[in-house]
Amino acid sequence: MAECLGHPDHGYYITRDPLGAAGDFVTAPEISQMFGELIGLWCADLWDRMARPDPVLLVEMGPGRGTLMADALRAAAALPGFRDAIRLHLVETSPVLRARQAEALAGLETGAAPVWHDDIGTVPGGPLLLIANELLDALPVRQILRTAAGWRERMVAVADGGLAFVPGAAPVEAPAFAADAPIGGLVELRPAADEVAAAVTARLLRHGGAALFIDYGHLESAPGETLQAVRSHVYADPLTDPGEADLTAHVDFAAFARTARAAGAAVHGPVAQAEFLAALGIGARAEALSRASGPKRAGEVDAALDRLCSPARMGRLFKAMALAAPDGPVPAGFG
């Protein structure tokens, strides 16, 4: 999965812009400006309640086209002093998407020019506000399979001129929640997500701040396969044409929270995306946009609100979780 998505020459994210109607999938920031605006206000409010550190690092991991950050900065500029305090850092490996992000952020003033990083390890120290929207679902997963001989890692092998899933030869240990899984039962493990939780928590404990993760996934750890491939907005075989489709797996929020708590973070949530956005005022923002628009635009605002918040669409499957320094304020949207 890591090679298919991130290979330096042939990786899916490295070689193209996968977003939008002409790409393979659409994320919340591309649906409506309201999403990024509310995230920007979330950051500004937290900065204010953190006693306005200057400078403050505003970090986005996996910024896509830069749409979320551009909308966030426009909205957050309403709080005096915040824009000038920001030192913007973007964690992005794709040269194609870095170029899109630079275009989206051109002309938006902060305390210094944006800086790009291949990973969070090179982001400097300091009070931190971190955003990661649909990052965790794209991190590599390991799958283990219960066989008659015990638990084995699910591997990819060449078979009949193509690729196929096969059980590995070496026994592996399964987590406690999989104890009752039947023969043929499958469990997904997410060591890459655990690494993100630990690395972000270490920074929060050292420098203060909070990190907001929004993604789709489940509340509790449980057996089951969620690995999927999407190409041109249609589900595809994950083993067909490696590097040509988006590969994702649902986030295990319970496991992510366990790792963060074990590292010392205060964990807030997860809460459903609809609940989180409602607490931030998306209803009032939608009404304001509709009043300021003609009938066609008002209909588009209503459609975007439904897509982001309806339980049948993104409102329930997508969830928000914040990690914070234990002595810091509770971020908006979490109580």
Protein backbone atom coordinates (compact mmCIF):
# COMPACT_ATOMS: atom_id res chain seq x y z
CA MET A 1 0.00 0.00 0.00
CA ALA A 2 2.83 2.37 0.87
CA GLU A 3 4.58 1.66 -2.43
CA CYS A 4 1.41 2.02 -4.50
CA LEU A 5 0.59 5.40 -2.98
CA GLY A 6 3.99 6.90 -2.24
CA HIS A 7 6.63 5.42 -4.56
CA PRO A 8 8.88 8.36 -5.54
CA ASP A 9 8.50 7.71 -9.28
CA HIS A 10 5.27 5.76 -9.76
CA GLY A 11 3.20 6.35 -6.61
CA TYR A 12 -0.44 7.29 -6.98
CA TYR A 13 -0.17 10.50 -4.94
CA ILE A 14 3.21 11.44 -6.39
CA THR A 15 2.24 11.41 -10.06
CA ARG A 16 -1.13 13.19 -10.20
CA ASP A 17 -3.80 15.39 -8.65
CA PRO A 18 -6.39 12.76 -7.64
CA LEU A 19 -9.02 15.16 -6.31
CA GLY A 20 -12.22 16.57 -7.74
CA ALA A 21 -14.71 15.52 -10.39
CA ALA A 22 -11.93 14.82 -12.89
CA GLY A 23 -9.96 12.77 -10.35
CA ASP A 24 -10.82 9.73 -8.28
CA PHE A 25 -12.44 11.16 -5.14
CA VAL A 26 -13.75 14.35 -3.51
CA THR A 27 -12.95 15.48 0.04
CA ALA A 28 -14.92 17.79 2.33
CA PRO A 29 -12.94 20.99 1.56
CA GLU A 30 -13.75 20.55 -2.14
CA ILE A 31 -17.48 20.27 -1.36
CA SER A 32 -17.88 23.66 0.32
CA GLN A 33 -15.89 26.62 1.62
CA MET A 34 -17.83 26.25 4.89
CA PHE A 35 -15.71 23.27 5.93
CA GLY A 36 -12.37 25.05 5.74
CA GLU A 37 -13.79 28.27 7.16
CA LEU A 38 -15.00 26.52 10.29
CA ILE A 39 -11.66 24.74 10.72
CA GLY A 40 -9.93 28.11 10.46
CA LEU A 41 -12.17 29.57 13.15
CA TRP A 42 -11.56 26.46 15.28
CA CYS A 43 -7.83 27.19 15.08
CA ALA A 44 -8.24 30.90 15.80
CA ASP A 45 -10.45 30.24 18.83
CA LEU A 46 -7.99 27.73 20.25
CA TRP A 47 -5.06 30.08 19.66
CA ASP A 48 -6.92 32.79 21.56
CA ARG A 49 -7.58 30.44 24.51
CA MET A 50 -3.93 29.29 24.45
CA ALA A 51 -3.00 32.89 25.42
CA ARG A 52 -2.16 33.83 21.83
CA PRO A 53 1.34 32.37 21.37
CA ASP A 54 3.37 34.31 18.81
CA PRO A 55 4.63 32.66 16.72
CA VAL A 56 2.32 29.65 16.46
CA LEU A 57 2.88 26.78 14.04
CA LEU A 58 -0.12 26.06 11.83
CA VAL A 59 0.56 22.64 10.32
CA GLU A 60 -1.50 20.65 7.85
CA MET A 61 -0.65 17.04 7.10
CA GLY A 62 -1.88 15.91 3.69
CA PRO A 63 -3.16 19.31 2.48
CA GLY A 64 -4.61 18.07 -0.82
CA ARG A 65 -5.02 21.00 -3.19
CA GLY A 66 -4.63 23.55 -0.40
CA THR A 67 -8.35 24.34 -0.48
CA LEU A 68 -8.96 23.71 3.22
CA MET A 69 -6.01 25.83 4.30
CA ALA A 70 -6.89 28.69 1.95
CA ASP A 71 -10.46 28.82 3.28
CA ALA A 72 -9.20 28.47 6.85
CA LEU A 73 -6.77 31.38 6.52
CA ARG A 74 -9.40 33.67 5.01
CA ALA A 75 -11.78 33.00 7.89
CA ALA A 76 -9.15 33.07 10.64
CA ALA A 77 -7.94 36.50 9.56
CA ALA A 78 -11.03 37.88 11.33
CA LEU A 79 -9.23 37.43 14.67
CA PRO A 80 -6.72 40.27 15.07
CA GLY A 81 -3.15 39.11 15.45
CA PHE A 82 -3.70 35.50 14.49
CA ARG A 83 -2.71 35.82 10.84
CA ASP A 84 0.56 37.57 11.71
CA ALA A 85 1.41 34.98 14.38
CA ILE A 86 1.03 32.03 12.01
CA ARG A 87 4.03 30.14 10.71
CA LEU A 88 2.54 27.84 8.08
CA HIS A 89 3.99 24.36 7.53
CA LEU A 90 2.57 21.83 5.06
CA VAL A 91 3.50 18.14 5.20
CA GLU A 92 3.23 16.88 1.62
CA THR A 93 5.31 14.44 -0.44
CA SER A 94 3.65 14.97 -3.84
CA PRO A 95 5.30 17.58 -6.09
CA VAL A 96 2.08 17.80 -8.10
CA LEU A 97 0.01 18.64 -5.03
CA ARG A 98 2.66 20.98 -3.63
CA ALA A 99 2.28 23.06 -6.78
CA ARG A 100 -1.52 23.11 -6.39
CA GLN A 101 -1.16 24.14 -2.74
CA ALA A 102 1.19 27.00 -3.63
CA GLU A 103 -1.36 28.27 -6.17
CA ALA A 104 -4.22 28.08 -3.66
CA LEU A 105 -2.28 29.92 -0.97
CA ALA A 106 -0.79 32.62 -3.19
CA GLY A 107 -1.67 36.07 -1.88
CA LEU A 108 -2.85 34.84 1.52
CA GLU A 109 -0.66 36.59 4.07
CA THR A 110 0.69 34.96 7.22
CA GLY A 111 3.62 35.80 9.46
CA ALA A 112 6.00 34.05 7.04
CA ALA A 113 5.92 32.21 3.72
CA PRO A 114 4.68 28.60 3.77
CA VAL A 115 7.26 25.85 4.24
CA TRP A 116 6.80 22.33 2.85
CA HIS A 117 8.04 19.12 4.48
CA ASP A 118 8.15 15.47 3.46
CA ASP A 119 7.23 14.41 7.00
CA ILE A 120 6.42 15.98 10.34
CA GLY A 121 9.88 15.20 11.69
CA THR A 122 11.38 18.28 9.99
CA VAL A 123 8.72 20.72 11.22
CA PRO A 124 10.38 23.01 13.80
CA GLY A 125 9.36 23.13 17.43
CA GLY A 126 6.83 25.53 18.91
CA PRO A 127 3.19 25.85 19.98
CA LEU A 128 1.22 23.82 17.48
CA LEU A 129 -2.16 23.82 15.76
CA LEU A 130 -2.30 20.80 13.45
CA ILE A 131 -4.97 19.81 10.92
CA ALA A 132 -5.23 16.43 9.20
CA ASN A 133 -8.32 15.86 7.06
CA GLU A 134 -8.52 12.43 5.43
CA LEU A 135 -4.89 11.67 6.18
CA LEU A 136 -5.18 8.60 8.39
CA ASP A 137 -7.31 6.57 5.95
CA ALA A 138 -4.52 6.75 3.37
CA LEU A 139 -1.80 5.43 5.69
CA PRO A 140 -0.69 1.83 5.07
CA VAL A 141 -2.39 -0.99 6.95
CA ARG A 142 -1.28 -4.52 7.72
CA GLN A 143 -3.83 -7.31 7.49
CA ILE A 144 -3.66 -10.52 9.49
CA LEU A 145 -5.79 -13.57 8.74
CA ARG A 146 -6.91 -16.36 11.05
CA THR A 147 -6.13 -19.71 9.42
CA ALA A 148 -6.43 -23.28 10.66
CA ALA A 149 -2.74 -23.04 11.57
CA GLY A 150 -3.15 -19.77 13.49
CA TRP A 151 -2.79 -16.09 12.64
CA ARG A 152 -0.78 -15.20 9.53
CA GLU A 153 -0.05 -11.90 7.83
CA ARG A 154 -1.89 -11.42 4.55
CA MET A 155 0.70 -10.91 1.83
CA VAL A 156 0.64 -10.07 -1.88
CA ALA A 157 2.15 -12.59 -4.29
CA VAL A 158 2.38 -13.13 -8.04
CA ALA A 159 -0.09 -15.81 -9.16
CA ASP A 160 -1.40 -16.78 -12.60
CA GLY A 161 0.19 -13.77 -14.24
CA GLY A 162 -1.34 -11.32 -11.76
CA LEU A 163 -1.35 -10.42 -8.09
CA ALA A 164 -3.18 -12.30 -5.34
CA PHE A 165 -3.56 -12.20 -1.57
CA VAL A 166 -1.91 -15.15 0.21
CA PRO A 167 -1.25 -15.97 3.88
CA GLY A 168 2.36 -15.67 5.00
CA ALA A 169 4.28 -18.59 6.46
CA ALA A 170 5.30 -17.05 9.79
CA PRO A 171 2.88 -16.91 12.75
CA VAL A 172 1.88 -13.45 13.97
CA GLU A 173 0.26 -12.17 17.14
CA ALA A 174 -3.33 -10.91 17.01
CA PRO A 175 -4.78 -8.16 19.21
CA ALA A 176 -7.05 -9.09 22.10
CA PHE A 177 -10.20 -7.83 20.38
CA ALA A 178 -9.73 -10.50 17.69
CA ALA A 179 -9.79 -13.44 20.13
CA ASP A 180 -13.19 -14.69 18.93
CA ALA A 181 -12.58 -14.20 15.21
CA PRO A 182 -13.47 -17.32 13.18
CA ILE A 183 -11.22 -19.14 10.73
CA GLY A 184 -10.98 -16.82 7.75
CA GLY A 185 -11.47 -13.77 9.97
CA LEU A 186 -9.33 -10.76 9.11
CA VAL A 187 -7.96 -7.93 11.25
CA GLU A 188 -6.40 -4.68 10.07
CA LEU A 189 -3.50 -3.17 12.02
CA ARG A 190 -2.35 0.42 11.54
CA PRO A 191 1.26 0.92 12.68
CA ALA A 192 1.66 4.01 10.48
CA ALA A 193 -1.30 5.71 12.19
CA ASP A 194 0.19 4.77 15.57
CA GLU A 195 3.43 6.48 14.55
CA VAL A 196 1.53 9.67 13.68
CA ALA A 197 -0.32 9.62 17.01
CA ALA A 198 2.93 9.18 18.95
CA ALA A 199 4.87 11.81 16.98
CA VAL A 200 2.14 14.44 17.22
CA THR A 201 1.59 13.77 20.92
CA ALA A 202 5.31 14.18 21.64
CA ARG A 203 5.20 17.64 20.07
CA LEU A 204 2.06 18.64 21.96
CA LEU A 205 3.59 17.60 25.29
CA ARG A 206 6.77 19.51 24.54
CA HIS A 207 5.32 22.71 23.08
CA GLY A 208 1.55 22.82 23.73
CA GLY A 209 -1.34 23.06 21.31
CA ALA A 210 -3.77 20.65 19.69
CA ALA A 211 -4.22 18.49 16.60
CA LEU A 212 -7.49 17.92 14.76
CA PHE A 213 -8.05 14.70 12.79
CA ILE A 214 -11.15 14.31 10.60
CA ASP A 215 -11.62 11.05 8.74
CA TYR A 216 -13.96 8.15 8.11
CA GLY A 217 -13.84 5.04 10.22
CA HIS A 218 -15.23 3.15 13.19
CA LEU A 219 -15.42 3.97 16.87
CA GLU A 220 -14.37 0.56 18.21
CA SER A 221 -11.66 -1.90 17.21
CA ALA A 222 -13.16 -4.97 15.54
CA PRO A 223 -12.24 -7.66 13.00
CA GLY A 224 -13.17 -7.00 9.38
CA GLU A 225 -11.70 -5.77 6.10
CA THR A 226 -12.07 -2.14 5.04
CA LEU A 227 -9.23 -1.86 2.51
CA GLN A 228 -10.62 -0.45 -0.72
CA ALA A 229 -9.49 0.99 -4.04
CA VAL A 230 -11.28 3.85 -5.80
CA ARG A 231 -10.68 4.92 -9.38
CA SER A 232 -12.72 7.58 -11.18
CA HIS A 233 -15.16 7.59 -8.23
CA VAL A 234 -15.84 3.84 -8.66
CA TYR A 235 -14.65 1.00 -6.42
CA ALA A 236 -11.95 -1.14 -8.03
CA ASP A 237 -9.87 -4.24 -7.32
CA PRO A 238 -6.97 -3.09 -5.09
CA LEU A 239 -4.59 -5.52 -6.82
CA THR A 240 -5.35 -4.35 -10.36
CA ASP A 241 -3.04 -1.71 -11.88
CA PRO A 242 -1.02 -0.88 -8.74
CA GLY A 243 -0.39 2.84 -8.42
CA GLU A 244 -3.39 3.79 -10.56
CA ALA A 245 -6.11 3.88 -7.87
CA ASP A 246 -6.57 5.47 -4.46
CA LEU A 247 -6.10 2.93 -1.67
CA THR A 248 -7.67 3.58 1.72
CA ALA A 249 -8.82 1.77 4.85
CA HIS A 250 -11.23 2.92 7.53
CA VAL A 251 -9.62 4.54 10.56
CA ASP A 252 -9.73 2.66 13.85
CA PHE A 253 -10.36 5.65 16.11
CA ALA A 254 -10.23 3.53 19.26
CA ALA A 255 -6.73 2.27 18.44
CA PHE A 256 -5.56 5.76 17.47
CA ALA A 257 -6.88 7.14 20.77
CA ARG A 258 -5.21 4.33 22.77
CA THR A 259 -1.84 5.13 21.24
CA ALA A 260 -2.20 8.87 21.85
CA ARG A 261 -3.32 8.41 25.46
CA ALA A 262 -0.47 5.99 26.13
CA ALA A 263 1.92 8.66 24.86
CA GLY A 264 0.39 11.24 27.22
CA ALA A 265 -2.13 13.19 25.12
CA ALA A 266 -5.55 14.37 26.19
CA VAL A 267 -7.95 12.84 23.65
CA HIS A 268 -11.21 14.60 22.77
CA GLY A 269 -13.81 12.69 20.78
CA PRO A 270 -14.29 11.13 18.40
CA VAL A 271 -17.59 12.77 17.55
CA ALA A 272 -19.58 12.47 14.33
CA GLN A 273 -18.64 15.05 11.71
CA ALA A 274 -22.23 16.34 11.69
CA GLU A 275 -22.11 16.94 15.45
CA PHE A 276 -18.70 18.59 15.25
CA LEU A 277 -19.62 20.96 12.41
CA ALA A 278 -22.94 21.81 14.06
CA ALA A 279 -21.10 22.78 17.24
CA LEU A 280 -18.86 25.06 15.19
CA GLY A 281 -21.87 26.80 13.64
CA ILE A 282 -22.21 25.35 10.16
CA GLY A 283 -25.97 25.88 10.22
CA ALA A 284 -25.63 29.62 10.80
CA ARG A 285 -22.86 29.89 8.21
CA ALA A 286 -25.00 28.09 5.62
CA GLU A 287 -27.91 30.46 6.32
CA ALA A 288 -25.65 33.48 5.92
CA LEU A 289 -24.27 32.23 2.61
CA SER A 290 -27.76 31.44 1.33
CA ARG A 291 -29.09 34.90 2.25
CA ALA A 292 -26.20 36.55 0.42
CA SER A 293 -26.69 34.44 -2.71
CA GLY A 294 -29.20 33.93 -5.47
CA PRO A 295 -31.52 30.90 -5.60
CA LYS A 296 -29.05 28.74 -7.56
CA ARG A 297 -26.20 29.39 -5.14
CA ALA A 298 -28.51 28.90 -2.15
CA GLY A 299 -29.44 25.48 -3.52
CA GLU A 300 -25.75 24.59 -3.82
CA VAL A 301 -25.18 25.63 -0.20
CA ASP A 302 -28.06 23.44 0.95
CA ALA A 303 -26.71 20.50 -1.07
CA ALA A 304 -23.24 20.94 0.41
CA LEU A 305 -24.65 21.13 3.93
CA ASP A 306 -26.57 17.91 3.35
CA ARG A 307 -23.52 16.12 1.97
CA LEU A 308 -21.31 17.16 4.87
CA CYS A 309 -23.81 16.55 7.67
CA SER A 310 -26.47 14.04 6.61
CA PRO A 311 -26.17 10.73 8.52
CA ALA A 312 -26.69 8.93 5.22
CA ARG A 313 -23.71 10.70 3.65
CA MET A 314 -20.65 12.07 5.47
CA GLY A 315 -22.27 13.16 8.72
CA ARG A 316 -22.03 9.88 10.63
CA LEU A 317 -19.28 7.84 8.93
CA PHE A 318 -16.82 10.74 9.16
CA LYS A 319 -15.64 11.65 12.65
CA ALA A 320 -13.54 14.30 14.35
CA MET A 321 -10.99 13.71 17.09
CA ALA A 322 -8.59 16.12 18.75
CA LEU A 323 -5.33 15.42 20.55
CA ALA A 324 -4.16 18.09 22.96
CA ALA A 325 -1.66 18.86 25.66
CA PRO A 326 -3.17 17.66 28.97
CA ASP A 327 -2.99 21.14 30.53
CA GLY A 328 -4.45 22.94 27.52
CA PRO A 329 -7.99 24.17 26.81
CA VAL A 330 -10.67 21.80 25.50
CA PRO A 331 -10.96 22.47 21.75
CA ALA A 332 -14.28 23.72 20.38
CA GLY A 333 -16.67 21.02 19.23
CA PHE A 334 -15.75 18.53 21.94
CA GLY A 335 -17.80 19.57 24.93
